[in-house]
């Protein structure tokens, strides 16, 4: 059903009790009608008479950690929060995503230049591998 569209699968979970949860996302917003249409299409393929199950199709949460490359691409230009495996917490703008999955975050950092009296805030780019991160998520601030 999503072939040929910009919708992509973020995660599929199936519990031992046959509770199926499908998370989807898109560069545009996912609406309830889209989730309902995908739910109906899945239900056409699965036979409840053969196997009983519950099905939930929804969009990936706004503040949920990124799981797939599409979520990184969708958030280029947005502020993200990165928690690295070595305990660092970085907040900055996601500026690029490479084909190999590595991504670049521009983090505002105080930098003191030689001969300057005071440090200035400059964006310092950090190139990170998702495998080196505990979580990367959209930074929602009010």
C-alpha atoms as a PDB file:
ATOM      1  CA  UNK A   1       0.000   0.000   0.000  1.00  0.00           C
ATOM      2  CA  UNK A   2       2.824   2.439   0.718  1.00  0.00           C
ATOM      3  CA  UNK A   3       4.887   1.440  -2.325  1.00  0.00           C
ATOM      4  CA  UNK A   4       5.363   4.418  -4.597  1.00  0.00           C
ATOM      5  CA  UNK A   5       4.537   6.920  -1.845  1.00  0.00           C
ATOM      6  CA  UNK A   6       6.826   8.904   0.460  1.00  0.00           C
ATOM      7  CA  UNK A   7       5.521   6.950   3.484  1.00  0.00           C
ATOM      8  CA  UNK A   8       8.051   4.665   5.143  1.00  0.00           C
ATOM      9  CA  UNK A   9       7.927   2.056   7.908  1.00  0.00           C
ATOM     10  CA  UNK A  10       9.674   3.092  11.120  1.00  0.00           C
ATOM     11  CA  UNK A  11       9.017  -0.015  13.198  1.00  0.00           C
ATOM     12  CA  UNK A  12       6.880  -3.135  13.386  1.00  0.00           C
ATOM     13  CA  UNK A  13       6.399  -4.931  16.686  1.00  0.00           C
ATOM     14  CA  UNK A  14       4.585  -8.228  17.164  1.00  0.00           C
ATOM     15  CA  UNK A  15       4.081  -9.476  20.719  1.00  0.00           C
ATOM     16  CA  UNK A  16       3.661 -13.146  21.704  1.00  0.00           C
ATOM     17  CA  UNK A  17      -0.063 -12.347  22.176  1.00  0.00           C
ATOM     18  CA  UNK A  18      -0.320 -11.251  18.505  1.00  0.00           C
ATOM     19  CA  UNK A  19      -0.519  -7.552  19.292  1.00  0.00           C
ATOM     20  CA  UNK A  20       0.821  -5.903  16.143  1.00  0.00           C
ATOM     21  CA  UNK A  21       2.013  -2.283  16.228  1.00  0.00           C
ATOM     22  CA  UNK A  22       3.097  -0.629  12.980  1.00  0.00           C
ATOM     23  CA  UNK A  23       4.781   2.798  13.095  1.00  0.00           C
ATOM     24  CA  UNK A  24       4.952   4.806   9.882  1.00  0.00           C
ATOM     25  CA  UNK A  25       6.244   8.240   8.954  1.00  0.00           C
ATOM     26  CA  UNK A  26       6.575  10.545   5.982  1.00  0.00           C
ATOM     27  CA  UNK A  27       8.357  13.785   5.101  1.00  0.00           C
ATOM     28  CA  UNK A  28       4.839  15.242   5.250  1.00  0.00           C
ATOM     29  CA  UNK A  29       2.488  14.651   8.147  1.00  0.00           C
ATOM     30  CA  UNK A  30       0.719  11.323   8.554  1.00  0.00           C
ATOM     31  CA  UNK A  31      -2.998  11.773   9.178  1.00  0.00           C
ATOM     32  CA  UNK A  32      -5.596   9.487  10.732  1.00  0.00           C
ATOM     33  CA  UNK A  33      -7.149   8.686   7.358  1.00  0.00           C
ATOM     34  CA  UNK A  34      -3.820   7.351   6.071  1.00  0.00           C
ATOM     35  CA  UNK A  35      -3.383   5.170   9.173  1.00  0.00           C
ATOM     36  CA  UNK A  36      -6.941   3.864   8.790  1.00  0.00           C
ATOM     37  CA  UNK A  37      -6.404   3.028   5.108  1.00  0.00           C
ATOM     38  CA  UNK A  38      -3.199   1.113   5.905  1.00  0.00           C
ATOM     39  CA  UNK A  39      -4.976  -0.699   8.737  1.00  0.00           C
ATOM     40  CA  UNK A  40      -7.750  -1.783   6.355  1.00  0.00           C
ATOM     41  CA  UNK A  41      -5.204  -2.986   3.785  1.00  0.00           C
ATOM     42  CA  UNK A  42      -3.331  -5.063   6.383  1.00  0.00           C
ATOM     43  CA  UNK A  43      -6.614  -6.534   7.639  1.00  0.00           C
ATOM     44  CA  UNK A  44      -7.466  -7.596   4.066  1.00  0.00           C
ATOM     45  CA  UNK A  45      -4.287  -9.675   3.942  1.00  0.00           C
ATOM     46  CA  UNK A  46      -4.441 -11.224   7.445  1.00  0.00           C
ATOM     47  CA  UNK A  47      -7.242 -13.690   8.187  1.00  0.00           C
ATOM     48  CA  UNK A  48      -8.675 -13.250  11.694  1.00  0.00           C
ATOM     49  CA  UNK A  49     -10.390 -16.640  11.407  1.00  0.00           C
ATOM     50  CA  UNK A  50      -6.986 -18.315  11.087  1.00  0.00           C
ATOM     51  CA  UNK A  51      -5.148 -16.247  13.704  1.00  0.00           C
ATOM     52  CA  UNK A  52      -6.598 -13.753  16.181  1.00  0.00           C
ATOM     53  CA  UNK A  53      -4.629 -10.518  16.508  1.00  0.00           C
ATOM     54  CA  UNK A  54      -4.910  -6.875  17.428  1.00  0.00           C
ATOM     55  CA  UNK A  55      -3.559  -4.253  15.040  1.00  0.00           C
ATOM     56  CA  UNK A  56      -2.491  -0.681  15.647  1.00  0.00           C
ATOM     57  CA  UNK A  57      -1.124   1.522  12.859  1.00  0.00           C
ATOM     58  CA  UNK A  58       0.099   4.974  13.802  1.00  0.00           C
ATOM     59  CA  UNK A  59       2.657   7.618  13.053  1.00  0.00           C
ATOM     60  CA  UNK A  60       5.972   7.700  14.856  1.00  0.00           C
ATOM     61  CA  UNK A  61       5.777  10.010  17.849  1.00  0.00           C
ATOM     62  CA  UNK A  62       7.103  13.537  17.437  1.00  0.00           C
ATOM     63  CA  UNK A  63       9.542  13.164  20.334  1.00  0.00           C
ATOM     64  CA  UNK A  64      10.278   9.452  19.893  1.00  0.00           C
ATOM     65  CA  UNK A  65      13.897   8.542  19.097  1.00  0.00           C
ATOM     66  CA  UNK A  66      14.758   8.216  15.419  1.00  0.00           C
ATOM     67  CA  UNK A  67      14.948   4.621  14.236  1.00  0.00           C
ATOM     68  CA  UNK A  68      15.377   4.815  10.453  1.00  0.00           C
ATOM     69  CA  UNK A  69      17.228   6.996   7.955  1.00  0.00           C
ATOM     70  CA  UNK A  70      13.991   8.533   6.677  1.00  0.00           C
ATOM     71  CA  UNK A  71      13.422  10.195  10.041  1.00  0.00           C
ATOM     72  CA  UNK A  72      16.878  11.792   9.902  1.00  0.00           C
ATOM     73  CA  UNK A  73      16.230  13.054   6.362  1.00  0.00           C
ATOM     74  CA  UNK A  74      12.834  14.418   7.389  1.00  0.00           C
ATOM     75  CA  UNK A  75      14.428  16.460  10.181  1.00  0.00           C
ATOM     76  CA  UNK A  76      17.268  18.133   8.284  1.00  0.00           C
ATOM     77  CA  UNK A  77      17.161  21.779   9.341  1.00  0.00           C
ATOM     78  CA  UNK A  78      15.421  20.997  12.636  1.00  0.00           C
ATOM     79  CA  UNK A  79      16.927  21.102  16.107  1.00  0.00           C
ATOM     80  CA  UNK A  80      17.681  17.673  17.522  1.00  0.00           C
ATOM     81  CA  UNK A  81      18.897  16.295  20.821  1.00  0.00           C
ATOM     82  CA  UNK A  82      21.552  13.588  20.696  1.00  0.00           C
ATOM     83  CA  UNK A  83      22.562  11.386  23.607  1.00  0.00           C
ATOM     84  CA  UNK A  84      25.777   9.568  22.759  1.00  0.00           C
ATOM     85  CA  UNK A  85      26.842   6.192  24.130  1.00  0.00           C
ATOM     86  CA  UNK A  86      29.707   7.894  25.988  1.00  0.00           C
ATOM     87  CA  UNK A  87      27.210  10.111  27.868  1.00  0.00           C
ATOM     88  CA  UNK A  88      27.494  13.381  25.938  1.00  0.00           C
ATOM     89  CA  UNK A  89      24.317  15.358  25.289  1.00  0.00           C
ATOM     90  CA  UNK A  90      24.341  17.515  22.177  1.00  0.00           C
ATOM     91  CA  UNK A  91      21.655  19.955  21.063  1.00  0.00           C
ATOM     92  CA  UNK A  92      21.927  21.454  17.640  1.00  0.00           C
ATOM     93  CA  UNK A  93      20.583  21.607  14.122  1.00  0.00           C
ATOM     94  CA  UNK A  94      20.657  18.470  11.994  1.00  0.00           C
ATOM     95  CA  UNK A  95      22.433  19.695   8.859  1.00  0.00           C
ATOM     96  CA  UNK A  96      23.170  16.589   6.781  1.00  0.00           C
ATOM     97  CA  UNK A  97      22.666  12.831   6.469  1.00  0.00           C
ATOM     98  CA  UNK A  98      25.195  10.785   4.512  1.00  0.00           C
ATOM     99  CA  UNK A  99      24.427   7.724   2.420  1.00  0.00           C
ATOM    100  CA  UNK A 100      26.217   5.563   5.003  1.00  0.00           C
ATOM    101  CA  UNK A 101      23.806   6.779   7.723  1.00  0.00           C
ATOM    102  CA  UNK A 102      26.199   9.129   9.487  1.00  0.00           C
ATOM    103  CA  UNK A 103      24.688  12.512  10.250  1.00  0.00           C
ATOM    104  CA  UNK A 104      25.960  15.997  11.029  1.00  0.00           C
ATOM    105  CA  UNK A 105      24.718  18.203  13.852  1.00  0.00           C
ATOM    106  CA  UNK A 106      25.758  21.865  14.153  1.00  0.00           C
ATOM    107  CA  UNK A 107      26.026  22.559  17.889  1.00  0.00           C
ATOM    108  CA  UNK A 108      26.303  26.155  19.183  1.00  0.00           C
ATOM    109  CA  UNK A 109      29.552  26.195  21.185  1.00  0.00           C
ATOM    110  CA  UNK A 110      31.547  28.929  22.928  1.00  0.00           C
ATOM    111  CA  UNK A 111      34.860  29.273  21.104  1.00  0.00           C
ATOM    112  CA  UNK A 112      37.677  31.585  22.176  1.00  0.00           C
ATOM    113  CA  UNK A 113      39.864  32.659  19.303  1.00  0.00           C
ATOM    114  CA  UNK A 114      43.492  33.519  19.859  1.00  0.00           C
ATOM    115  CA  UNK A 115      43.863  37.172  20.787  1.00  0.00           C
ATOM    116  CA  UNK A 116      40.142  37.616  21.527  1.00  0.00           C
ATOM    117  CA  UNK A 117      39.057  38.861  24.931  1.00  0.00           C
ATOM    118  CA  UNK A 118      35.829  36.925  25.053  1.00  0.00           C
ATOM    119  CA  UNK A 119      34.614  33.684  23.562  1.00  0.00           C
ATOM    120  CA  UNK A 120      32.012  33.820  20.822  1.00  0.00           C
ATOM    121  CA  UNK A 121      29.275  31.311  20.087  1.00  0.00           C
ATOM    122  CA  UNK A 122      29.842  29.437  16.837  1.00  0.00           C
ATOM    123  CA  UNK A 123      28.248  26.354  15.330  1.00  0.00           C
ATOM    124  CA  UNK A 124      30.638  23.426  15.621  1.00  0.00           C
ATOM    125  CA  UNK A 125      29.761  20.488  13.387  1.00  0.00           C
ATOM    126  CA  UNK A 126      29.753  17.001  14.881  1.00  0.00           C
ATOM    127  CA  UNK A 127      29.604  14.041  12.512  1.00  0.00           C
ATOM    128  CA  UNK A 128      28.020  11.085  14.298  1.00  0.00           C
ATOM    129  CA  UNK A 129      27.162   7.483  13.559  1.00  0.00           C
ATOM    130  CA  UNK A 130      23.738   6.330  14.812  1.00  0.00           C
ATOM    131  CA  UNK A 131      25.461   3.251  16.283  1.00  0.00           C
ATOM    132  CA  UNK A 132      27.412   5.577  18.600  1.00  0.00           C
ATOM    133  CA  UNK A 133      24.206   7.218  19.882  1.00  0.00           C
ATOM    134  CA  UNK A 134      21.782   6.068  22.536  1.00  0.00           C
ATOM    135  CA  UNK A 135      19.091   8.291  21.086  1.00  0.00           C
ATOM    136  CA  UNK A 136      18.521  11.025  18.541  1.00  0.00           C
ATOM    137  CA  UNK A 137      15.232  12.876  18.667  1.00  0.00           C
ATOM    138  CA  UNK A 138      13.522  16.023  17.505  1.00  0.00           C
ATOM    139  CA  UNK A 139      14.051  18.695  20.134  1.00  0.00           C
ATOM    140  CA  UNK A 140      10.607  20.050  20.947  1.00  0.00           C
ATOM    141  CA  UNK A 141      10.799  23.217  23.034  1.00  0.00           C
ATOM    142  CA  UNK A 142       8.078  25.662  23.943  1.00  0.00           C
END
